[in-house]
Amino acid sequence: MDNVNQVLIDRLVQKGADASLMDSLLKTLSKILAEDPTIDPDAATQRLHYLGWQEVQVDYHTLQLALAHFEASSGNGPAAFTEDEARRRAIRLREVEVAPIALGDI
């Protein structure tokens, strides 16, 4: 599976990605694919541009490599990342909770 990972990284670099930001790009790509695993390459590229990855252009083969990478990684599939993100948000919300304030105290 390391071979698929390396091919994916090499392809993303060829498509304009900065190798030093690969982890962030893969997380973003996993979120996009978790929302819609059958997303069109043009739509995925537009979504990446919207999220700040203007230099990256993805094609059909890159998306297929990304899907294979996420599905083969234990617990790192696109859906798993989304579930982990939802858990992190819920934990942050629990940490921020404050006691209710009476209207007369405002």
N, C-alpha and C. Protein backbone atom coordinates (compact mmCIF):
# COMPACT_ATOMS: atom_id res chain seq x y z
N MET A 1 0.82 -1.19 0.00
CA MET A 1 0.00 0.00 0.00
C MET A 1 0.87 1.26 0.00
N ASP A 2 2.11 1.15 0.45
CA ASP A 2 3.00 2.30 0.41
C ASP A 2 3.19 2.78 -1.02
N ASN A 3 3.13 1.84 -1.97
CA ASN A 3 3.27 2.20 -3.37
C ASN A 3 2.15 3.13 -3.83
N VAL A 4 0.91 2.83 -3.45
CA VAL A 4 -0.23 3.68 -3.82
C VAL A 4 -0.07 5.06 -3.18
N ASN A 5 0.34 5.08 -1.92
CA ASN A 5 0.55 6.34 -1.22
C ASN A 5 1.61 7.18 -1.93
N GLN A 6 2.71 6.56 -2.30
CA GLN A 6 3.79 7.30 -2.97
C GLN A 6 3.36 7.79 -4.34
N VAL A 7 2.65 6.95 -5.08
CA VAL A 7 2.16 7.36 -6.40
C VAL A 7 1.19 8.54 -6.26
N LEU A 8 0.31 8.48 -5.26
CA LEU A 8 -0.63 9.58 -5.01
C LEU A 8 0.11 10.87 -4.70
N ILE A 9 1.08 10.80 -3.81
CA ILE A 9 1.84 12.00 -3.44
C ILE A 9 2.59 12.55 -4.65
N ASP A 10 3.25 11.67 -5.40
CA ASP A 10 3.97 12.11 -6.60
C ASP A 10 3.02 12.78 -7.59
N ARG A 11 1.86 12.19 -7.77
CA ARG A 11 0.89 12.74 -8.73
C ARG A 11 0.37 14.10 -8.27
N LEU A 12 0.10 14.24 -6.96
CA LEU A 12 -0.37 15.52 -6.45
C LEU A 12 0.70 16.60 -6.59
N VAL A 13 1.96 16.23 -6.39
CA VAL A 13 3.06 17.19 -6.57
C VAL A 13 3.14 17.60 -8.04
N GLN A 14 2.99 16.63 -8.94
CA GLN A 14 2.98 16.94 -10.38
C GLN A 14 1.81 17.85 -10.75
N LYS A 15 0.71 17.72 -10.01
CA LYS A 15 -0.48 18.52 -10.29
C LYS A 15 -0.43 19.89 -9.61
N GLY A 16 0.68 20.20 -8.93
CA GLY A 16 0.86 21.54 -8.37
C GLY A 16 0.89 21.63 -6.87
N ALA A 17 0.76 20.53 -6.15
CA ALA A 17 0.74 20.57 -4.69
C ALA A 17 2.15 20.77 -4.13
N ASP A 18 2.22 21.46 -3.00
CA ASP A 18 3.48 21.64 -2.29
C ASP A 18 3.71 20.41 -1.41
N ALA A 19 4.83 19.74 -1.59
CA ALA A 19 5.11 18.50 -0.85
C ALA A 19 5.13 18.71 0.66
N SER A 20 5.51 19.91 1.11
CA SER A 20 5.59 20.16 2.54
C SER A 20 4.20 20.31 3.18
N LEU A 21 3.17 20.50 2.36
CA LEU A 21 1.80 20.65 2.87
C LEU A 21 0.92 19.45 2.54
N MET A 22 1.55 18.33 2.23
CA MET A 22 0.81 17.16 1.76
C MET A 22 -0.19 16.64 2.79
N ASP A 23 0.16 16.61 4.07
CA ASP A 23 -0.78 16.11 5.08
C ASP A 23 -2.07 16.93 5.10
N SER A 24 -1.93 18.24 5.03
CA SER A 24 -3.11 19.11 5.03
C SER A 24 -3.94 18.90 3.77
N LEU A 25 -3.27 18.76 2.65
CA LEU A 25 -3.98 18.54 1.39
C LEU A 25 -4.73 17.20 1.43
N LEU A 26 -4.10 16.16 1.95
CA LEU A 26 -4.77 14.85 2.03
C LEU A 26 -5.97 14.91 2.96
N LYS A 27 -5.89 15.66 4.05
CA LYS A 27 -7.04 15.81 4.95
C LYS A 27 -8.18 16.53 4.23
N THR A 28 -7.85 17.58 3.49
CA THR A 28 -8.86 18.31 2.75
C THR A 28 -9.50 17.41 1.69
N LEU A 29 -8.66 16.68 0.98
CA LEU A 29 -9.15 15.78 -0.06
C LEU A 29 -10.03 14.68 0.55
N SER A 30 -9.66 14.20 1.74
CA SER A 30 -10.47 13.16 2.38
C SER A 30 -11.85 13.70 2.75
N LYS A 31 -11.93 14.96 3.16
CA LYS A 31 -13.23 15.56 3.48
C LYS A 31 -14.09 15.68 2.22
N ILE A 32 -13.47 16.11 1.14
CA ILE A 32 -14.20 16.25 -0.12
C ILE A 32 -14.73 14.90 -0.58
N LEU A 33 -13.89 13.88 -0.51
CA LEU A 33 -14.30 12.54 -0.95
C LEU A 33 -15.28 11.89 0.01
N ALA A 34 -15.23 12.27 1.29
CA ALA A 34 -16.20 11.73 2.26
C ALA A 34 -17.60 12.26 1.96
N GLU A 35 -17.67 13.52 1.52
CA GLU A 35 -18.96 14.11 1.17
C GLU A 35 -19.54 13.47 -0.07
N ASP A 36 -18.67 13.21 -1.06
CA ASP A 36 -19.14 12.64 -2.33
C ASP A 36 -18.01 11.84 -2.98
N PRO A 37 -17.97 10.52 -2.75
CA PRO A 37 -16.90 9.70 -3.33
C PRO A 37 -16.93 9.64 -4.85
N THR A 38 -18.04 10.01 -5.46
CA THR A 38 -18.14 9.98 -6.93
C THR A 38 -18.03 11.37 -7.53
N ILE A 39 -17.43 12.30 -6.81
CA ILE A 39 -17.33 13.69 -7.27
C ILE A 39 -16.58 13.78 -8.59
N ASP A 40 -17.01 14.67 -9.44
CA ASP A 40 -16.38 14.92 -10.72
C ASP A 40 -15.03 15.62 -10.47
N PRO A 41 -13.99 15.27 -11.24
CA PRO A 41 -12.67 15.89 -11.03
C PRO A 41 -12.70 17.42 -11.12
N ASP A 42 -13.49 17.97 -12.03
CA ASP A 42 -13.59 19.43 -12.13
C ASP A 42 -14.23 20.03 -10.87
N ALA A 43 -15.24 19.37 -10.36
CA ALA A 43 -15.90 19.84 -9.14
C ALA A 43 -14.95 19.73 -7.95
N ALA A 44 -14.18 18.65 -7.90
CA ALA A 44 -13.21 18.48 -6.81
C ALA A 44 -12.14 19.56 -6.88
N THR A 45 -11.68 19.88 -8.08
CA THR A 45 -10.69 20.94 -8.25
C THR A 45 -11.27 22.28 -7.82
N GLN A 46 -12.51 22.57 -8.21
CA GLN A 46 -13.14 23.81 -7.80
C GLN A 46 -13.28 23.89 -6.28
N ARG A 47 -13.63 22.77 -5.67
CA ARG A 47 -13.77 22.72 -4.20
C ARG A 47 -12.42 22.97 -3.54
N LEU A 48 -11.36 22.35 -4.07
CA LEU A 48 -10.01 22.59 -3.54
C LEU A 48 -9.63 24.06 -3.68
N HIS A 49 -9.94 24.65 -4.82
CA HIS A 49 -9.64 26.07 -5.03
C HIS A 49 -10.40 26.93 -4.02
N TYR A 50 -11.65 26.60 -3.79
CA TYR A 50 -12.48 27.34 -2.84
C TYR A 50 -11.89 27.25 -1.44
N LEU A 51 -11.30 26.11 -1.11
CA LEU A 51 -10.74 25.90 0.22
C LEU A 51 -9.29 26.38 0.35
N GLY A 52 -8.77 27.02 -0.71
CA GLY A 52 -7.45 27.63 -0.61
C GLY A 52 -6.33 26.90 -1.32
N TRP A 53 -6.63 25.86 -2.03
CA TRP A 53 -5.61 25.09 -2.74
C TRP A 53 -5.64 25.46 -4.22
N GLN A 54 -5.40 26.73 -4.55
CA GLN A 54 -5.50 27.20 -5.93
C GLN A 54 -4.50 26.54 -6.87
N GLU A 55 -3.38 26.12 -6.35
CA GLU A 55 -2.33 25.56 -7.21
C GLU A 55 -2.57 24.10 -7.61
N VAL A 56 -3.55 23.46 -7.00
CA VAL A 56 -3.77 22.02 -7.22
C VAL A 56 -4.87 21.78 -8.25
N GLN A 57 -4.59 20.91 -9.22
CA GLN A 57 -5.56 20.46 -10.21
C GLN A 57 -5.63 18.93 -10.10
N VAL A 58 -6.81 18.38 -9.89
CA VAL A 58 -6.94 16.92 -9.80
C VAL A 58 -7.68 16.39 -11.02
N ASP A 59 -7.36 15.16 -11.38
CA ASP A 59 -8.04 14.50 -12.49
C ASP A 59 -8.65 13.20 -11.96
N TYR A 60 -9.30 12.47 -12.85
CA TYR A 60 -9.98 11.23 -12.48
C TYR A 60 -9.03 10.24 -11.81
N HIS A 61 -7.86 10.06 -12.38
CA HIS A 61 -6.91 9.07 -11.85
C HIS A 61 -6.39 9.47 -10.47
N THR A 62 -6.19 10.75 -10.25
CA THR A 62 -5.75 11.22 -8.94
C THR A 62 -6.82 10.96 -7.89
N LEU A 63 -8.08 11.21 -8.24
CA LEU A 63 -9.16 10.93 -7.29
C LEU A 63 -9.28 9.44 -6.99
N GLN A 64 -9.09 8.60 -8.01
CA GLN A 64 -9.14 7.15 -7.78
C GLN A 64 -7.99 6.69 -6.88
N LEU A 65 -6.81 7.25 -7.08
CA LEU A 65 -5.67 6.93 -6.21
C LEU A 65 -5.96 7.38 -4.78
N ALA A 66 -6.55 8.56 -4.64
CA ALA A 66 -6.87 9.06 -3.30
C ALA A 66 -7.89 8.15 -2.62
N LEU A 67 -8.92 7.73 -3.35
CA LEU A 67 -9.91 6.82 -2.77
C LEU A 67 -9.26 5.50 -2.35
N ALA A 68 -8.40 4.95 -3.20
CA ALA A 68 -7.70 3.71 -2.86
C ALA A 68 -6.82 3.90 -1.63
N HIS A 69 -6.15 5.03 -1.55
CA HIS A 69 -5.30 5.32 -0.40
C HIS A 69 -6.12 5.39 0.89
N PHE A 70 -7.23 6.13 0.87
CA PHE A 70 -8.04 6.30 2.07
C PHE A 70 -8.75 5.02 2.48
N GLU A 71 -9.18 4.23 1.51
CA GLU A 71 -9.86 2.98 1.82
C GLU A 71 -8.89 1.94 2.38
N ALA A 72 -7.65 1.96 1.92
CA ALA A 72 -6.67 0.97 2.38
C ALA A 72 -6.04 1.34 3.71
N SER A 73 -6.01 2.62 4.02
CA SER A 73 -5.42 3.06 5.29
C SER A 73 -6.36 2.66 6.42
N SER A 74 -5.81 2.04 7.43
CA SER A 74 -6.67 1.57 8.53
C SER A 74 -7.23 2.75 9.30
N GLY A 75 -8.55 2.89 9.25
CA GLY A 75 -9.22 3.95 9.99
C GLY A 75 -9.05 5.33 9.41
N ASN A 76 -8.42 5.46 8.25
CA ASN A 76 -8.20 6.78 7.68
C ASN A 76 -9.02 7.02 6.42
N GLY A 77 -10.07 6.25 6.22
CA GLY A 77 -10.92 6.48 5.05
C GLY A 77 -11.57 7.84 5.14
N PRO A 78 -12.08 8.35 4.04
CA PRO A 78 -12.70 9.67 4.08
C PRO A 78 -13.80 9.78 5.13
N ALA A 79 -14.64 8.76 5.23
CA ALA A 79 -15.72 8.79 6.22
C ALA A 79 -15.18 8.76 7.64
N ALA A 80 -14.12 7.99 7.88
CA ALA A 80 -13.53 7.91 9.21
C ALA A 80 -12.99 9.27 9.64
N PHE A 81 -12.38 9.99 8.71
CA PHE A 81 -11.87 11.32 9.04
C PHE A 81 -13.01 12.25 9.42
N THR A 82 -14.09 12.18 8.68
CA THR A 82 -15.24 13.03 8.98
C THR A 82 -15.81 12.71 10.35
N GLU A 83 -15.90 11.42 10.68
CA GLU A 83 -16.39 11.03 12.01
C GLU A 83 -15.46 11.54 13.09
N ASP A 84 -14.14 11.44 12.88
CA ASP A 84 -13.18 11.94 13.86
C ASP A 84 -13.32 13.44 14.02
N GLU A 85 -13.51 14.15 12.93
CA GLU A 85 -13.67 15.61 12.98
C GLU A 85 -14.93 15.97 13.75
N ALA A 86 -16.01 15.23 13.53
CA ALA A 86 -17.25 15.50 14.26
C ALA A 86 -17.05 15.25 15.75
N ARG A 87 -16.30 14.21 16.10
CA ARG A 87 -16.01 13.94 17.51
C ARG A 87 -15.18 15.07 18.11
N ARG A 88 -14.18 15.55 17.37
CA ARG A 88 -13.35 16.65 17.87
C ARG A 88 -14.17 17.90 18.13
N ARG A 89 -15.09 18.20 17.21
CA ARG A 89 -15.95 19.37 17.38
C ARG A 89 -16.83 19.21 18.61
N ALA A 90 -17.39 18.02 18.81
CA ALA A 90 -18.25 17.77 19.96
C ALA A 90 -17.45 17.92 21.26
N ILE A 91 -16.24 17.43 21.27
CA ILE A 91 -15.40 17.56 22.47
C ILE A 91 -15.11 19.02 22.75
N ARG A 92 -14.78 19.79 21.69
CA ARG A 92 -14.52 21.23 21.87
C ARG A 92 -15.75 21.93 22.40
N LEU A 93 -16.94 21.56 21.92
CA LEU A 93 -18.16 22.19 22.40
C LEU A 93 -18.39 21.87 23.87
N ARG A 94 -18.11 20.64 24.28
CA ARG A 94 -18.27 20.28 25.69
C ARG A 94 -17.33 21.09 26.57
N GLU A 95 -16.11 21.34 26.08
CA GLU A 95 -15.13 22.09 26.86
C GLU A 95 -15.53 23.55 27.01
N VAL A 96 -16.29 24.09 26.06
CA VAL A 96 -16.63 25.50 26.06
C VAL A 96 -17.94 25.78 26.79
N GLU A 97 -18.70 24.75 27.10
CA GLU A 97 -20.00 24.95 27.74
C GLU A 97 -19.87 25.76 29.01
N VAL A 98 -20.82 26.66 29.21
CA VAL A 98 -20.86 27.47 30.42
C VAL A 98 -22.24 27.32 31.04
N ALA A 99 -22.33 27.69 32.30
CA ALA A 99 -23.60 27.59 32.99
C ALA A 99 -24.57 28.63 32.42
N PRO A 100 -25.86 28.31 32.37
CA PRO A 100 -26.84 29.27 31.87
C PRO A 100 -26.87 30.52 32.73
N ILE A 101 -27.13 31.63 32.10
CA ILE A 101 -27.20 32.92 32.81
C ILE A 101 -28.66 33.34 32.85
N ALA A 102 -29.10 33.77 34.02
CA ALA A 102 -30.47 34.26 34.15
C ALA A 102 -30.60 35.59 33.45
N LEU A 103 -31.74 35.85 32.87
CA LEU A 103 -31.96 37.10 32.14
C LEU A 103 -31.76 38.33 33.02
N GLY A 104 -32.07 38.24 34.28
CA GLY A 104 -31.92 39.36 35.19
C GLY A 104 -30.47 39.67 35.50
N ASP A 105 -29.55 38.71 35.23
CA ASP A 105 -28.13 38.92 35.53
C ASP A 105 -27.39 39.62 34.41
N ILE A 106 -28.04 39.83 33.29
CA ILE A 106 -27.35 40.41 32.14
C ILE A 106 -27.28 41.91 32.26
